[in-house]
N, C-alpha and C. Protein backbone atom coordinates (compact mmCIF):
# COMPACT_ATOMS: atom_id res chain seq x y z
N MET A 1 71.16 82.37 96.24
CA MET A 1 71.46 83.16 94.85
C MET A 1 72.12 81.82 94.11
N ASN A 2 71.46 82.08 92.85
CA ASN A 2 71.24 81.08 92.18
C ASN A 2 72.55 80.83 91.13
N ASP A 3 73.03 81.47 90.79
CA ASP A 3 74.12 81.51 89.81
C ASP A 3 75.44 82.35 90.28
N PHE A 4 76.37 82.14 89.72
CA PHE A 4 77.70 82.91 89.94
C PHE A 4 77.65 84.28 89.06
N PRO A 5 78.76 85.48 89.33
CA PRO A 5 78.82 86.21 88.58
C PRO A 5 79.12 86.04 87.07
N GLU A 6 78.50 87.21 86.26
CA GLU A 6 79.02 86.84 85.14
C GLU A 6 79.93 86.79 84.47
N ASN A 7 80.82 86.82 84.83
CA ASN A 7 82.51 86.56 84.78
C ASN A 7 83.17 85.39 84.99
N THR A 8 82.38 84.93 85.95
CA THR A 8 82.84 83.64 86.22
C THR A 8 83.67 83.00 85.33
N VAL A 9 83.17 82.39 84.25
CA VAL A 9 83.64 81.46 83.23
C VAL A 9 85.16 82.50 83.21
N GLU A 10 85.24 83.42 82.43
CA GLU A 10 86.50 84.19 82.17
C GLU A 10 87.63 84.18 83.49
N MET A 11 87.01 83.90 84.34
CA MET A 11 88.16 84.09 85.68
C MET A 11 88.65 82.73 85.79
N ILE A 12 88.01 81.79 85.50
CA ILE A 12 88.41 80.49 85.95
C ILE A 12 89.55 80.11 84.82
N ASN A 13 89.02 80.81 84.03
CA ASN A 13 90.14 80.49 82.38
C ASN A 13 91.45 81.46 82.73
N GLU A 14 90.76 82.78 83.37
CA GLU A 14 92.37 83.68 83.02
C GLU A 14 93.04 82.93 84.46
N LEU A 15 92.33 82.92 85.32
CA LEU A 15 93.15 82.50 86.88
C LEU A 15 93.76 81.27 86.90
N ILE A 16 93.41 80.32 86.65
CA ILE A 16 93.42 79.07 87.28
C ILE A 16 94.36 78.37 85.85
N GLY A 17 95.32 77.97 86.30
CA GLY A 17 95.89 77.53 85.15
C GLY A 17 96.41 76.27 85.40
N GLY A 18 97.73 75.77 86.04
CA GLY A 18 98.09 74.47 86.24
C GLY A 18 97.67 73.57 85.43
N PHE A 19 96.77 72.49 85.73
CA PHE A 19 96.46 71.43 85.13
C PHE A 19 95.62 71.82 84.19
N ASN A 20 94.78 72.79 84.28
CA ASN A 20 93.87 73.12 83.40
C ASN A 20 94.73 73.39 82.07
N LYS A 21 95.60 74.48 82.11
CA LYS A 21 96.48 74.74 80.98
C LYS A 21 96.90 73.52 80.18
N SER A 22 97.49 72.64 81.01
CA SER A 22 98.40 71.84 80.58
C SER A 22 97.52 70.71 79.67
N MET A 23 96.34 70.56 79.81
CA MET A 23 94.94 69.82 79.47
C MET A 23 94.91 70.68 78.12
N GLY A 24 94.88 72.16 78.25
CA GLY A 24 94.08 72.74 77.35
C GLY A 24 92.47 73.09 77.48
N LEU A 25 92.25 72.62 78.59
CA LEU A 25 91.00 72.86 79.09
C LEU A 25 90.28 74.15 79.00
N HIS A 26 89.04 74.31 78.69
CA HIS A 26 88.74 75.69 78.51
C HIS A 26 87.29 75.83 78.81
N PHE A 27 86.84 76.44 80.02
CA PHE A 27 85.39 76.22 80.17
C PHE A 27 84.65 77.39 79.82
N ILE A 28 83.57 76.57 79.59
CA ILE A 28 82.62 77.66 78.60
C ILE A 28 81.35 77.97 79.25
N LYS A 29 81.17 77.29 80.60
CA LYS A 29 79.60 77.58 81.43
C LYS A 29 80.12 77.45 82.87
N ALA A 30 79.86 78.01 83.64
CA ALA A 30 80.05 78.08 84.79
C ALA A 30 78.74 78.41 85.87
N ALA A 31 77.76 77.52 85.89
CA ALA A 31 76.79 77.54 86.82
C ALA A 31 76.52 77.08 88.06
N ARG A 32 75.52 77.38 89.01
CA ARG A 32 75.80 76.80 90.42
C ARG A 32 75.38 74.91 90.29
N ASN A 33 74.61 74.81 89.28
CA ASN A 33 74.32 73.07 88.77
C ASN A 33 74.87 72.41 87.32
N GLU A 34 75.70 73.48 87.05
CA GLU A 34 76.39 72.88 85.52
C GLU A 34 77.33 73.42 85.32
N PHE A 35 78.51 72.68 84.71
CA PHE A 35 79.61 73.58 84.28
C PHE A 35 79.97 72.47 83.39
N VAL A 36 80.76 73.23 82.26
CA VAL A 36 81.05 72.93 80.85
C VAL A 36 82.20 73.38 80.33
N ALA A 37 83.08 72.17 80.19
CA ALA A 37 84.69 72.56 79.43
C ALA A 37 84.86 71.94 78.43
N GLU A 38 85.69 72.48 77.16
CA GLU A 38 86.57 71.49 76.23
C GLU A 38 87.86 71.36 76.22
N ILE A 39 87.73 70.62 75.25
CA ILE A 39 89.35 70.21 75.05
C ILE A 39 89.55 69.68 73.19
N LYS A 40 90.59 70.71 72.98
CA LYS A 40 90.45 70.14 71.18
C LYS A 40 91.68 69.45 71.41
N ILE A 41 91.22 68.16 70.77
CA ILE A 41 92.36 67.14 70.83
C ILE A 41 93.56 67.47 70.17
N ASP A 42 94.65 67.01 70.58
CA ASP A 42 95.63 67.20 70.02
C ASP A 42 96.82 66.00 70.38
N ASP A 43 98.00 66.26 69.93
CA ASP A 43 99.23 65.16 70.14
C ASP A 43 99.31 64.79 71.66
N ARG A 44 99.21 65.69 72.21
CA ARG A 44 99.76 65.35 73.67
C ARG A 44 98.47 64.65 74.72
N HIS A 45 97.52 64.67 74.21
CA HIS A 45 96.09 64.03 74.38
C HIS A 45 96.00 62.43 73.66
N LEU A 46 96.82 61.96 73.38
CA LEU A 46 96.63 60.49 72.36
C LEU A 46 97.77 59.73 73.22
N GLN A 47 97.16 58.47 73.60
CA GLN A 47 98.35 57.58 73.54
C GLN A 47 99.00 56.71 72.85
N PRO A 48 99.65 55.56 72.91
CA PRO A 48 100.51 55.34 71.73
C PRO A 48 99.47 54.70 70.55
N TYR A 49 98.62 53.98 70.73
CA TYR A 49 97.65 53.58 69.76
C TYR A 49 96.84 54.50 69.19
N GLY A 50 96.97 55.99 69.10
CA GLY A 50 96.09 57.43 68.73
C GLY A 50 95.06 57.47 68.90
N ILE A 51 94.83 56.67 69.97
CA ILE A 51 93.76 57.44 70.45
C ILE A 51 92.98 58.04 71.84
N VAL A 52 92.47 58.85 72.37
CA VAL A 52 92.38 59.63 73.56
C VAL A 52 92.70 58.94 74.64
N HIS A 53 94.21 59.39 75.47
CA HIS A 53 94.36 58.81 77.07
C HIS A 53 93.10 58.58 77.94
N GLY A 54 92.96 57.54 78.68
CA GLY A 54 91.67 57.86 79.70
C GLY A 54 91.97 59.02 80.77
N GLY A 55 93.50 59.32 80.81
CA GLY A 55 93.81 60.09 81.75
C GLY A 55 93.05 61.50 81.23
N VAL A 56 93.05 62.06 79.91
CA VAL A 56 92.33 63.01 79.60
C VAL A 56 90.80 63.10 79.92
N TYR A 57 90.15 61.78 79.83
CA TYR A 57 89.04 62.14 80.91
C TYR A 57 88.61 61.95 82.01
N SER A 58 89.63 61.29 82.58
CA SER A 58 89.68 61.34 84.19
C SER A 58 89.90 62.78 84.70
N GLY A 59 91.02 63.49 83.85
CA GLY A 59 91.04 64.56 84.49
C GLY A 59 90.38 65.88 83.99
N MET A 60 89.67 65.56 82.97
CA MET A 60 88.48 66.54 82.52
C MET A 60 87.18 66.45 83.58
N ILE A 61 86.87 65.41 84.14
CA ILE A 61 85.87 65.14 84.74
C ILE A 61 86.42 65.42 86.12
N GLU A 62 87.57 65.09 86.59
CA GLU A 62 87.82 65.37 87.79
C GLU A 62 88.01 66.94 87.80
N THR A 63 88.07 67.82 87.13
CA THR A 63 88.33 68.94 86.75
C THR A 63 86.89 69.59 86.96
N LEU A 64 86.49 69.17 86.28
CA LEU A 64 84.92 69.95 86.17
C LEU A 64 83.84 69.75 87.37
N CYS A 65 84.66 68.30 87.86
CA CYS A 65 83.42 68.11 89.26
C CYS A 65 84.23 69.10 90.67
N SER A 66 85.52 69.32 90.53
CA SER A 66 86.03 69.98 91.56
C SER A 66 85.63 71.39 91.81
N THR A 67 86.25 71.67 90.36
CA THR A 67 85.67 73.29 90.04
C THR A 67 84.10 73.75 90.70
N GLY A 68 83.30 72.73 90.20
CA GLY A 68 81.92 72.78 90.73
C GLY A 68 81.87 72.80 91.87
N ALA A 69 81.84 71.84 92.86
CA ALA A 69 81.73 72.13 94.21
C ALA A 69 82.48 73.46 94.43
N ALA A 70 83.67 73.35 94.49
CA ALA A 70 84.61 73.94 95.16
C ALA A 70 83.82 75.57 94.86
N LEU A 71 83.49 76.17 93.66
CA LEU A 71 82.51 77.14 93.62
C LEU A 71 81.18 77.48 94.36
N ASN A 72 80.89 76.40 94.59
CA ASN A 72 79.43 76.24 95.34
C ASN A 72 80.04 76.61 96.83
N VAL A 73 80.98 75.87 97.60
CA VAL A 73 81.20 76.35 98.37
C VAL A 73 81.87 77.92 98.82
N PHE A 74 82.47 78.14 97.83
CA PHE A 74 83.59 79.65 98.10
C PHE A 74 83.18 80.30 98.90
N SER A 75 81.60 80.74 98.65
CA SER A 75 81.48 81.86 98.96
C SER A 75 81.44 82.12 101.04
N GLU A 76 81.31 80.52 101.26
CA GLU A 76 81.42 80.27 102.77
C GLU A 76 82.77 79.89 103.22
N GLY A 77 83.46 80.70 102.39
CA GLY A 77 85.09 80.48 102.87
C GLY A 77 85.71 78.62 102.85
N LYS A 78 84.88 77.98 102.36
CA LYS A 78 84.98 76.66 102.38
C LYS A 78 85.72 76.34 101.00
N SER A 79 86.85 75.08 100.98
CA SER A 79 86.95 74.54 100.20
C SER A 79 86.69 73.36 99.42
N ALA A 80 87.02 72.71 98.58
CA ALA A 80 86.84 71.12 98.08
C ALA A 80 87.53 70.31 97.57
N VAL A 81 87.89 69.12 98.29
CA VAL A 81 88.69 68.49 97.43
C VAL A 81 88.53 67.22 97.17
N GLY A 82 88.62 66.52 95.83
CA GLY A 82 88.41 65.51 95.24
C GLY A 82 89.17 63.71 96.47
N LEU A 83 88.09 63.16 96.33
CA LEU A 83 88.23 61.88 97.26
C LEU A 83 88.00 60.64 96.66
N GLU A 84 87.61 60.80 95.52
CA GLU A 84 87.23 59.19 94.77
C GLU A 84 86.64 59.77 93.19
N ASN A 85 87.33 59.05 92.15
CA ASN A 85 86.78 59.85 90.95
C ASN A 85 86.64 58.02 90.16
N ALA A 86 85.74 57.86 89.93
CA ALA A 86 85.49 56.55 88.61
C ALA A 86 84.76 57.17 87.35
N THR A 87 86.14 56.67 86.38
CA THR A 87 85.63 57.07 85.70
C THR A 87 85.30 55.94 84.39
N SER A 88 84.79 55.61 83.62
CA SER A 88 84.28 54.95 82.08
C SER A 88 84.54 54.99 81.11
N PHE A 89 85.47 54.85 80.40
CA PHE A 89 85.52 55.14 79.01
C PHE A 89 84.82 53.80 78.26
N LEU A 90 83.74 54.66 77.09
CA LEU A 90 82.53 54.42 76.66
C LEU A 90 83.06 54.31 75.03
N ARG A 91 83.75 54.99 74.32
CA ARG A 91 84.20 54.93 72.95
C ARG A 91 85.59 55.66 73.07
N ALA A 92 86.19 55.22 72.17
CA ALA A 92 87.74 55.82 71.31
C ALA A 92 87.31 57.16 70.32
N VAL A 93 87.97 58.42 70.89
CA VAL A 93 88.12 58.90 70.21
C VAL A 93 89.80 59.49 69.60
N ARG A 94 89.74 59.86 68.27
CA ARG A 94 91.22 60.10 67.73
C ARG A 94 91.37 61.94 67.46
N SER A 95 90.25 62.54 67.29
CA SER A 95 90.43 63.92 66.70
C SER A 95 89.29 64.49 67.28
N GLY A 96 88.93 65.83 66.87
CA GLY A 96 87.86 67.11 67.56
C GLY A 96 88.09 67.61 68.71
N THR A 97 87.11 67.61 69.22
CA THR A 97 87.00 68.42 70.47
C THR A 97 86.13 67.32 71.31
N LEU A 98 86.40 67.76 72.64
CA LEU A 98 85.72 66.52 73.63
C LEU A 98 85.21 67.58 74.45
N ARG A 99 83.81 67.58 74.97
CA ARG A 99 82.88 68.47 76.18
C ARG A 99 82.59 67.80 76.87
N CYS A 100 82.87 68.23 78.27
CA CYS A 100 82.64 67.33 79.47
C CYS A 100 81.56 68.24 79.84
N THR A 101 80.39 68.05 80.67
CA THR A 101 79.39 68.37 81.43
C THR A 101 79.03 68.17 82.73
N ALA A 102 79.36 68.42 83.65
CA ALA A 102 79.28 68.02 85.09
C ALA A 102 78.61 68.69 85.66
N ARG A 103 77.45 68.00 86.64
CA ARG A 103 76.34 68.45 87.91
C ARG A 103 76.40 67.90 88.88
N PRO A 104 75.93 68.55 90.08
CA PRO A 104 75.68 67.69 91.15
C PRO A 104 74.69 67.02 91.77
N VAL A 105 75.14 65.84 92.27
CA VAL A 105 74.19 65.06 92.41
C VAL A 105 73.75 65.15 93.98
N LEU A 106 74.72 65.23 94.95
CA LEU A 106 74.41 65.50 96.46
C LEU A 106 75.22 66.77 96.83
N THR A 107 75.21 67.92 97.29
CA THR A 107 75.89 68.95 97.95
C THR A 107 75.24 69.22 99.23
N GLY A 108 76.18 68.01 100.21
CA GLY A 108 75.99 68.05 101.66
C GLY A 108 76.86 69.25 102.25
N ARG A 109 76.70 69.27 103.46
CA ARG A 109 77.54 69.96 104.70
C ARG A 109 78.99 70.11 104.10
N ARG A 110 79.13 68.76 104.28
CA ARG A 110 80.72 67.55 104.23
C ARG A 110 80.94 67.61 102.80
N SER A 111 80.04 66.77 102.02
CA SER A 111 80.81 65.94 101.14
C SER A 111 79.76 66.40 99.86
N HIS A 112 80.39 66.36 98.50
CA HIS A 112 79.33 66.60 97.28
C HIS A 112 79.86 65.28 96.47
N VAL A 113 79.12 64.79 95.76
CA VAL A 113 78.50 63.70 94.73
C VAL A 113 78.60 65.13 93.23
N TRP A 114 79.73 64.55 92.28
CA TRP A 114 79.01 64.90 91.33
C TRP A 114 79.55 64.30 90.05
N GLU A 115 78.66 63.86 88.77
CA GLU A 115 78.65 63.64 87.71
C GLU A 115 78.68 64.27 86.68
N ALA A 116 79.71 63.55 85.83
CA ALA A 116 79.88 64.01 84.57
C ALA A 116 80.16 63.24 83.19
N GLN A 117 79.57 64.22 82.21
CA GLN A 117 79.45 63.24 80.82
C GLN A 117 80.45 64.03 79.64
N VAL A 118 81.43 63.20 79.09
CA VAL A 118 81.74 63.53 78.23
C VAL A 118 81.62 63.39 76.55
N THR A 119 81.50 63.73 75.58
CA THR A 119 81.03 63.62 74.39
C THR A 119 82.19 64.40 73.48
N ASP A 120 81.83 63.36 72.09
CA ASP A 120 82.87 64.36 70.83
C ASP A 120 82.05 65.26 70.42
N ASP A 121 82.92 65.85 69.38
CA ASP A 121 82.32 66.96 68.38
C ASP A 121 81.22 66.01 67.54
N ARG A 122 80.69 64.77 67.68
CA ARG A 122 79.68 64.41 67.04
C ARG A 122 78.57 63.97 67.76
N ASP A 123 78.77 64.86 69.08
CA ASP A 123 77.59 64.31 70.34
C ASP A 123 77.68 62.86 70.71
N ARG A 124 78.53 62.01 70.50
CA ARG A 124 78.42 60.66 71.16
C ARG A 124 78.96 60.83 72.43
N LEU A 125 78.50 60.16 73.65
CA LEU A 125 78.89 60.02 74.64
C LEU A 125 80.32 58.76 74.69
N VAL A 126 81.64 59.57 75.05
CA VAL A 126 82.83 59.12 74.82
C VAL A 126 83.08 58.36 76.70
N ALA A 127 82.78 59.14 77.40
CA ALA A 127 83.51 58.43 78.98
C ALA A 127 82.00 59.53 79.71
N THR A 128 82.02 58.56 80.98
CA THR A 128 81.10 59.14 81.83
C THR A 128 81.97 59.14 83.69
N GLY A 129 81.59 59.69 84.63
CA GLY A 129 82.71 59.72 85.95
C GLY A 129 81.32 60.41 86.93
N ARG A 130 82.06 59.93 87.98
CA ARG A 130 81.30 60.45 89.17
C ARG A 130 82.42 60.65 90.05
N VAL A 131 82.53 61.97 91.04
CA VAL A 131 83.78 62.52 91.81
C VAL A 131 83.30 62.87 93.25
N ARG A 132 83.69 61.93 93.99
CA ARG A 132 83.03 62.22 95.68
C ARG A 132 84.18 63.36 96.17
N LEU A 133 83.57 63.96 96.81
CA LEU A 133 84.61 65.43 97.13
C LEU A 133 84.36 65.46 98.72
N MET A 134 85.34 65.90 99.28
CA MET A 134 85.15 66.44 100.49
C MET A 134 85.13 68.09 100.76
N ILE A 135 84.27 68.56 101.73
CA ILE A 135 84.62 70.04 102.05
C ILE A 135 85.36 70.04 102.89
N LEU A 136 86.08 71.12 102.71
CA LEU A 136 86.73 71.69 103.55
C LEU A 136 86.52 73.22 104.41
N GLU A 137 86.69 73.00 105.63
CA GLU A 137 86.24 74.66 106.57
C GLU A 137 87.68 75.22 106.51
N PRO A 138 87.04 76.20 106.34
CA PRO A 138 88.53 77.34 106.07
C PRO A 138 89.64 77.54 107.20
N GLY A 139 90.42 77.73 106.91
CA GLY A 139 92.12 76.59 107.56
C GLY A 139 92.39 75.40 107.38
N SER A 140 91.66 74.37 106.79
CA SER A 140 91.83 73.34 106.94
C SER A 140 93.47 73.20 105.91
N GLU A 141 94.02 72.21 106.35
CA GLU A 141 95.36 71.84 105.70
C GLU A 141 95.45 70.81 104.90
N ALA A 142 96.37 70.74 104.24
CA ALA A 142 96.71 69.49 102.86
C ALA A 142 97.79 69.57 102.66
N ASP A 143 98.46 68.11 103.29
CA ASP A 143 99.84 68.26 103.15
C ASP A 143 100.79 69.08 104.28
N GLY A 144 99.90 69.37 105.49
CA GLY A 144 100.76 70.87 106.37
C GLY A 144 100.47 72.00 105.61
N ILE A 145 100.03 72.01 104.79
CA ILE A 145 99.48 73.62 104.49
C ILE A 145 98.21 74.02 104.29
N THR A 146 98.14 75.00 104.63
CA THR A 146 96.55 75.77 104.66
C THR A 146 95.85 75.57 103.21
N VAL A 147 94.85 74.95 102.49
CA VAL A 147 94.60 74.79 101.93
C VAL A 147 93.60 76.26 101.07
N GLU A 148 94.08 76.65 100.22
CA GLU A 148 93.59 77.89 99.39
C GLU A 148 94.03 78.02 98.26
N LEU A 149 93.18 78.85 97.23
CA LEU A 149 93.17 78.85 95.67
C LEU A 149 94.25 79.40 95.45
N ASN A 150 95.03 78.85 94.43
CA ASN A 150 96.64 79.40 93.72
C ASN A 150 95.70 80.49 92.83
N THR A 151 95.30 81.17 92.46
CA THR A 151 95.18 82.25 91.45
C THR A 151 96.29 82.88 90.66
N LYS A 152 97.51 82.46 90.67
CA LYS A 152 98.34 83.51 90.22
C LYS A 152 98.62 82.67 89.03
N PRO A 153 98.11 83.71 87.90
CA PRO A 153 98.18 83.21 86.09
C PRO A 153 99.96 82.61 85.82
N GLU A 154 99.75 81.73 85.52
CA GLU A 154 101.41 81.26 84.54
C GLU A 154 101.89 81.87 83.47
């Protein structure tokens, strides 16, 4: 299978709320080797100096890389959880739209490594990141509870 069902982007945007919804993250592409999402910057994304908070970049990168890894192993009944996120902040942004694009570097049986780039609406590179993820077998637990996808809309 080369790609996901045609409605994958809609399913992600409709069913996966939580942090994605809090950030205002909106997926626009979901393919096996590339995930793309955007955030329209508003006051909730800014730190006291009026520039986008570094956590926004880290959150976008973590979310896209984790979603990519998870959807790549979903058909096997497996899950993916982040182990490490290294994000570099390259340029300050105050307004507009941020676009994050994530692609796999390594998709192994037990771990994945994904990289992402965040650009502003002038197509300037503003942040980069790399996320290392552990692939969990069906029935694996985290904090004593079985890891499973929460698809309850909020």
